Amino acid sequence: MPDQSQYSPAARVPLIKSPSLRVPRPVILPPDIHPLPDSVTPYFVYPFTIEPHILTLESSRRTTLAAHATRREAYLRARAEEKERRKRDALRRIAPGFEPGEGHLLVPTKRASVIAPAASPLPPRSVMDDLVDQLAALDSASATKES
């Protein structure tokens, strides 16, 4: 039986033995080991009973992922729009009516007068008339203080 050992071919090879090395013991197989069958295909059985459950979970997972992606895109778009709006508001505080995206310069426009002219225009007042009115107002103010 020693000639049938798995190490018998190595027994004839001259080796320099190192004291730190040892020859491993032969492997002894247990007597009740179960050998593999000729075909392993019976072991690969797919349980089709869980298929609808898995498909339902997968579709709901994809729906959830799509909803999260949509919400994330909307959030990022709103954030970018808010940033752009704040920038435009800051520019409008400096220069009202300025739109940086339009690319054209502002041109002043003449506005119609807000106050409608009166039916009977007053004659223009002279500087002397204004002076007389102011002196009369001062006289009346000093007279009311004395009494």
C-alpha atoms as a PDB file:
ATOM      1  CA  MET A   1       0.000   0.000   0.000  1.00  0.00           C
ATOM      2  CA  PRO A   2       2.877   2.438   0.482  1.00  0.00           C
ATOM      3  CA  ASP A   3       3.548   2.232  -3.256  1.00  0.00           C
ATOM      4  CA  GLN A   4      -0.051   3.327  -3.997  1.00  0.00           C
ATOM      5  CA  SER A   5       0.287   6.550  -1.994  1.00  0.00           C
ATOM      6  CA  GLN A   6      -0.159   9.839  -3.755  1.00  0.00           C
ATOM      7  CA  TYR A   7       3.349  10.775  -2.654  1.00  0.00           C
ATOM      8  CA  SER A   8       5.080   7.682  -4.067  1.00  0.00           C
ATOM      9  CA  PRO A   9       6.414   9.479  -7.217  1.00  0.00           C
ATOM     10  CA  ALA A  10       7.927  12.166  -5.015  1.00  0.00           C
ATOM     11  CA  ALA A  11       9.676   9.556  -2.873  1.00  0.00           C
ATOM     12  CA  ARG A  12      12.157   8.810  -5.662  1.00  0.00           C
ATOM     13  CA  VAL A  13      13.068  12.454  -6.295  1.00  0.00           C
ATOM     14  CA  PRO A  14      16.196  13.525  -4.442  1.00  0.00           C
ATOM     15  CA  LEU A  15      15.396  16.487  -2.228  1.00  0.00           C
ATOM     16  CA  ILE A  16      17.461  18.569   0.092  1.00  0.00           C
ATOM     17  CA  LYS A  17      15.500  18.539   3.288  1.00  0.00           C
ATOM     18  CA  SER A  18      15.215  21.735   5.241  1.00  0.00           C
ATOM     19  CA  PRO A  19      14.537  21.346   8.950  1.00  0.00           C
ATOM     20  CA  SER A  20      11.727  23.923   8.628  1.00  0.00           C
ATOM     21  CA  LEU A  21       9.842  21.861   6.026  1.00  0.00           C
ATOM     22  CA  ARG A  22       7.822  18.713   6.559  1.00  0.00           C
ATOM     23  CA  VAL A  23       5.952  16.377   4.275  1.00  0.00           C
ATOM     24  CA  PRO A  24       2.183  16.708   4.781  1.00  0.00           C
ATOM     25  CA  ARG A  25       0.202  13.719   5.906  1.00  0.00           C
ATOM     26  CA  PRO A  26      -1.877  12.004   3.242  1.00  0.00           C
ATOM     27  CA  VAL A  27      -5.520  13.018   3.015  1.00  0.00           C
ATOM     28  CA  ILE A  28      -7.930  10.384   4.264  1.00  0.00           C
ATOM     29  CA  LEU A  29     -11.429  10.629   2.830  1.00  0.00           C
ATOM     30  CA  PRO A  30     -14.380   9.709   5.051  1.00  0.00           C
ATOM     31  CA  PRO A  31     -16.196   6.529   4.085  1.00  0.00           C
ATOM     32  CA  ASP A  32     -19.651   8.192   3.887  1.00  0.00           C
ATOM     33  CA  ILE A  33     -18.787  10.969   1.413  1.00  0.00           C
ATOM     34  CA  HIS A  34     -21.495  11.729  -1.137  1.00  0.00           C
ATOM     35  CA  PRO A  35     -20.127  11.743  -4.682  1.00  0.00           C
ATOM     36  CA  LEU A  36     -21.423  14.214  -7.234  1.00  0.00           C
ATOM     37  CA  PRO A  37     -24.050  12.890  -9.607  1.00  0.00           C
ATOM     38  CA  ASP A  38     -23.391  12.482 -13.311  1.00  0.00           C
ATOM     39  CA  SER A  39     -25.624  15.465 -14.121  1.00  0.00           C
ATOM     40  CA  VAL A  40     -26.074  18.542 -11.969  1.00  0.00           C
ATOM     41  CA  THR A  41     -29.002  19.968 -13.951  1.00  0.00           C
ATOM     42  CA  PRO A  42     -31.580  18.677 -11.431  1.00  0.00           C
ATOM     43  CA  TYR A  43     -29.945  20.950  -8.849  1.00  0.00           C
ATOM     44  CA  PHE A  44     -30.591  24.054 -10.965  1.00  0.00           C
ATOM     45  CA  VAL A  45     -34.351  24.280 -10.665  1.00  0.00           C
ATOM     46  CA  TYR A  46     -35.867  27.744 -10.966  1.00  0.00           C
ATOM     47  CA  PRO A  47     -38.882  28.332  -8.710  1.00  0.00           C
ATOM     48  CA  PHE A  48     -41.387  30.005 -11.011  1.00  0.00           C
ATOM     49  CA  THR A  49     -43.744  30.555  -8.064  1.00  0.00           C
ATOM     50  CA  ILE A  50     -41.864  33.706  -7.012  1.00  0.00           C
ATOM     51  CA  GLU A  51     -41.722  35.211 -10.514  1.00  0.00           C
ATOM     52  CA  PRO A  52     -44.823  37.490 -10.202  1.00  0.00           C
ATOM     53  CA  HIS A  53     -43.646  38.755  -6.837  1.00  0.00           C
ATOM     54  CA  ILE A  54     -40.200  39.627  -8.195  1.00  0.00           C
ATOM     55  CA  LEU A  55     -41.641  41.308 -11.277  1.00  0.00           C
ATOM     56  CA  THR A  56     -43.998  43.399  -9.117  1.00  0.00           C
ATOM     57  CA  LEU A  57     -41.153  44.452  -6.859  1.00  0.00           C
ATOM     58  CA  GLU A  58     -38.972  45.330  -9.846  1.00  0.00           C
ATOM     59  CA  SER A  59     -41.654  47.450 -11.517  1.00  0.00           C
ATOM     60  CA  SER A  60     -42.392  49.316  -8.282  1.00  0.00           C
ATOM     61  CA  ARG A  61     -38.658  49.852  -7.754  1.00  0.00           C
ATOM     62  CA  ARG A  62     -38.282  51.300 -11.250  1.00  0.00           C
ATOM     63  CA  THR A  63     -41.320  53.529 -10.716  1.00  0.00           C
ATOM     64  CA  THR A  64     -39.853  54.789  -7.447  1.00  0.00           C
ATOM     65  CA  LEU A  65     -36.481  55.447  -9.051  1.00  0.00           C
ATOM     66  CA  ALA A  66     -38.124  57.341 -11.918  1.00  0.00           C
ATOM     67  CA  ALA A  67     -40.168  59.433  -9.457  1.00  0.00           C
ATOM     68  CA  HIS A  68     -37.040  60.252  -7.443  1.00  0.00           C
ATOM     69  CA  ALA A  69     -35.151  61.202 -10.592  1.00  0.00           C
ATOM     70  CA  THR A  70     -38.020  63.445 -11.718  1.00  0.00           C
ATOM     71  CA  ARG A  71     -38.233  65.095  -8.307  1.00  0.00           C
ATOM     72  CA  ARG A  72     -34.469  65.606  -8.217  1.00  0.00           C
ATOM     73  CA  GLU A  73     -34.489  67.170 -11.696  1.00  0.00           C
ATOM     74  CA  ALA A  74     -37.358  69.482 -10.712  1.00  0.00           C
ATOM     75  CA  TYR A  75     -35.529  70.519  -7.550  1.00  0.00           C
ATOM     76  CA  LEU A  76     -32.315  71.277  -9.437  1.00  0.00           C
ATOM     77  CA  ARG A  77     -34.212  73.184 -12.138  1.00  0.00           C
ATOM     78  CA  ALA A  78     -36.101  75.232  -9.494  1.00  0.00           C
ATOM     79  CA  ARG A  79     -32.840  75.959  -7.713  1.00  0.00           C
ATOM     80  CA  ALA A  80     -31.197  77.160 -10.921  1.00  0.00           C
ATOM     81  CA  GLU A  81     -34.242  79.311 -11.787  1.00  0.00           C
ATOM     82  CA  GLU A  82     -34.264  80.819  -8.280  1.00  0.00           C
ATOM     83  CA  LYS A  83     -30.566  81.639  -8.582  1.00  0.00           C
ATOM     84  CA  GLU A  84     -31.152  83.241 -11.986  1.00  0.00           C
ATOM     85  CA  ARG A  85     -34.162  85.187 -10.641  1.00  0.00           C
ATOM     86  CA  ARG A  86     -32.126  86.541  -7.726  1.00  0.00           C
ATOM     87  CA  LYS A  87     -29.390  87.598 -10.114  1.00  0.00           C
ATOM     88  CA  ARG A  88     -31.915  89.401 -12.344  1.00  0.00           C
ATOM     89  CA  ASP A  89     -33.502  91.079  -9.304  1.00  0.00           C
ATOM     90  CA  ALA A  90     -30.096  92.300  -8.144  1.00  0.00           C
ATOM     91  CA  LEU A  91     -29.413  93.695 -11.617  1.00  0.00           C
ATOM     92  CA  ARG A  92     -32.860  95.334 -11.748  1.00  0.00           C
ATOM     93  CA  ARG A  93     -32.196  97.056  -8.411  1.00  0.00           C
ATOM     94  CA  ILE A  94     -29.125  98.613  -9.978  1.00  0.00           C
ATOM     95  CA  ALA A  95     -30.656  99.265 -13.406  1.00  0.00           C
ATOM     96  CA  PRO A  96     -34.453  98.946 -13.498  1.00  0.00           C
ATOM     97  CA  GLY A  97     -35.754  97.412 -16.708  1.00  0.00           C
ATOM     98  CA  PHE A  98     -32.450  95.725 -17.545  1.00  0.00           C
ATOM     99  CA  GLU A  99     -32.777  92.209 -19.005  1.00  0.00           C
ATOM    100  CA  PRO A 100     -29.361  90.572 -19.503  1.00  0.00           C
ATOM    101  CA  GLY A 101     -30.709  87.692 -21.626  1.00  0.00           C
ATOM    102  CA  GLU A 102     -32.325  89.870 -24.271  1.00  0.00           C
ATOM    103  CA  GLY A 103     -29.048  91.404 -25.433  1.00  0.00           C
ATOM    104  CA  HIS A 104     -30.320  94.828 -26.431  1.00  0.00           C
ATOM    105  CA  LEU A 105     -29.631  98.192 -24.875  1.00  0.00           C
ATOM    106  CA  LEU A 106     -32.273 100.180 -23.097  1.00  0.00           C
ATOM    107  CA  VAL A 107     -33.611 103.109 -25.058  1.00  0.00           C
ATOM    108  CA  PRO A 108     -35.283 105.922 -23.140  1.00  0.00           C
ATOM    109  CA  THR A 109     -38.896 106.507 -24.120  1.00  0.00           C
ATOM    110  CA  LYS A 110     -40.838 109.696 -23.663  1.00  0.00           C
ATOM    111  CA  ARG A 111     -43.793 109.284 -21.382  1.00  0.00           C
ATOM    112  CA  ALA A 112     -46.986 111.261 -21.647  1.00  0.00           C
ATOM    113  CA  SER A 113     -47.473 113.855 -18.976  1.00  0.00           C
ATOM    114  CA  VAL A 114     -49.258 112.483 -15.924  1.00  0.00           C
ATOM    115  CA  ILE A 115     -50.960 115.773 -15.015  1.00  0.00           C
ATOM    116  CA  ALA A 116     -53.567 116.907 -17.513  1.00  0.00           C
ATOM    117  CA  PRO A 117     -53.348 120.603 -18.404  1.00  0.00           C
ATOM    118  CA  ALA A 118     -56.033 122.805 -16.835  1.00  0.00           C
ATOM    119  CA  ALA A 119     -58.818 124.263 -18.976  1.00  0.00           C
ATOM    120  CA  SER A 120     -57.849 127.868 -18.198  1.00  0.00           C
ATOM    121  CA  PRO A 121     -54.097 128.284 -17.928  1.00  0.00           C
ATOM    122  CA  LEU A 122     -52.874 130.675 -15.243  1.00  0.00           C
ATOM    123  CA  PRO A 123     -50.759 133.615 -16.378  1.00  0.00           C
ATOM    124  CA  PRO A 124     -47.095 133.147 -15.516  1.00  0.00           C
ATOM    125  CA  ARG A 125     -46.171 134.626 -12.173  1.00  0.00           C
ATOM    126  CA  SER A 126     -43.270 137.001 -11.809  1.00  0.00           C
ATOM    127  CA  VAL A 127     -40.606 136.894  -9.146  1.00  0.00           C
ATOM    128  CA  MET A 128     -42.014 140.058  -7.578  1.00  0.00           C
ATOM    129  CA  ASP A 129     -45.463 138.465  -7.166  1.00  0.00           C
ATOM    130  CA  ASP A 130     -43.896 135.491  -5.335  1.00  0.00           C
ATOM    131  CA  LEU A 131     -41.959 137.869  -3.031  1.00  0.00           C
ATOM    132  CA  VAL A 132     -45.075 139.853  -2.195  1.00  0.00           C
ATOM    133  CA  ASP A 133     -47.009 136.663  -1.374  1.00  0.00           C
ATOM    134  CA  GLN A 134     -44.237 135.407   0.929  1.00  0.00           C
ATOM    135  CA  LEU A 135     -44.030 138.740   2.795  1.00  0.00           C
ATOM    136  CA  ALA A 136     -47.797 138.754   3.262  1.00  0.00           C
ATOM    137  CA  ALA A 137     -47.649 135.222   4.691  1.00  0.00           C
ATOM    138  CA  LEU A 138     -44.939 136.292   7.153  1.00  0.00           C
ATOM    139  CA  ASP A 139     -46.995 139.337   8.274  1.00  0.00           C
ATOM    140  CA  SER A 140     -50.077 137.194   8.865  1.00  0.00           C
ATOM    141  CA  ALA A 141     -48.039 134.589  10.791  1.00  0.00           C
ATOM    142  CA  SER A 142     -46.488 137.253  13.083  1.00  0.00           C
ATOM    143  CA  ALA A 143     -49.917 138.871  13.651  1.00  0.00           C
ATOM    144  CA  THR A 144     -51.454 135.578  14.795  1.00  0.00           C
ATOM    145  CA  LYS A 145     -48.561 134.953  17.243  1.00  0.00           C
ATOM    146  CA  GLU A 146     -49.003 138.386  18.916  1.00  0.00           C
ATOM    147  CA  SER A 147     -52.692 138.025  19.552  1.00  0.00           C
END
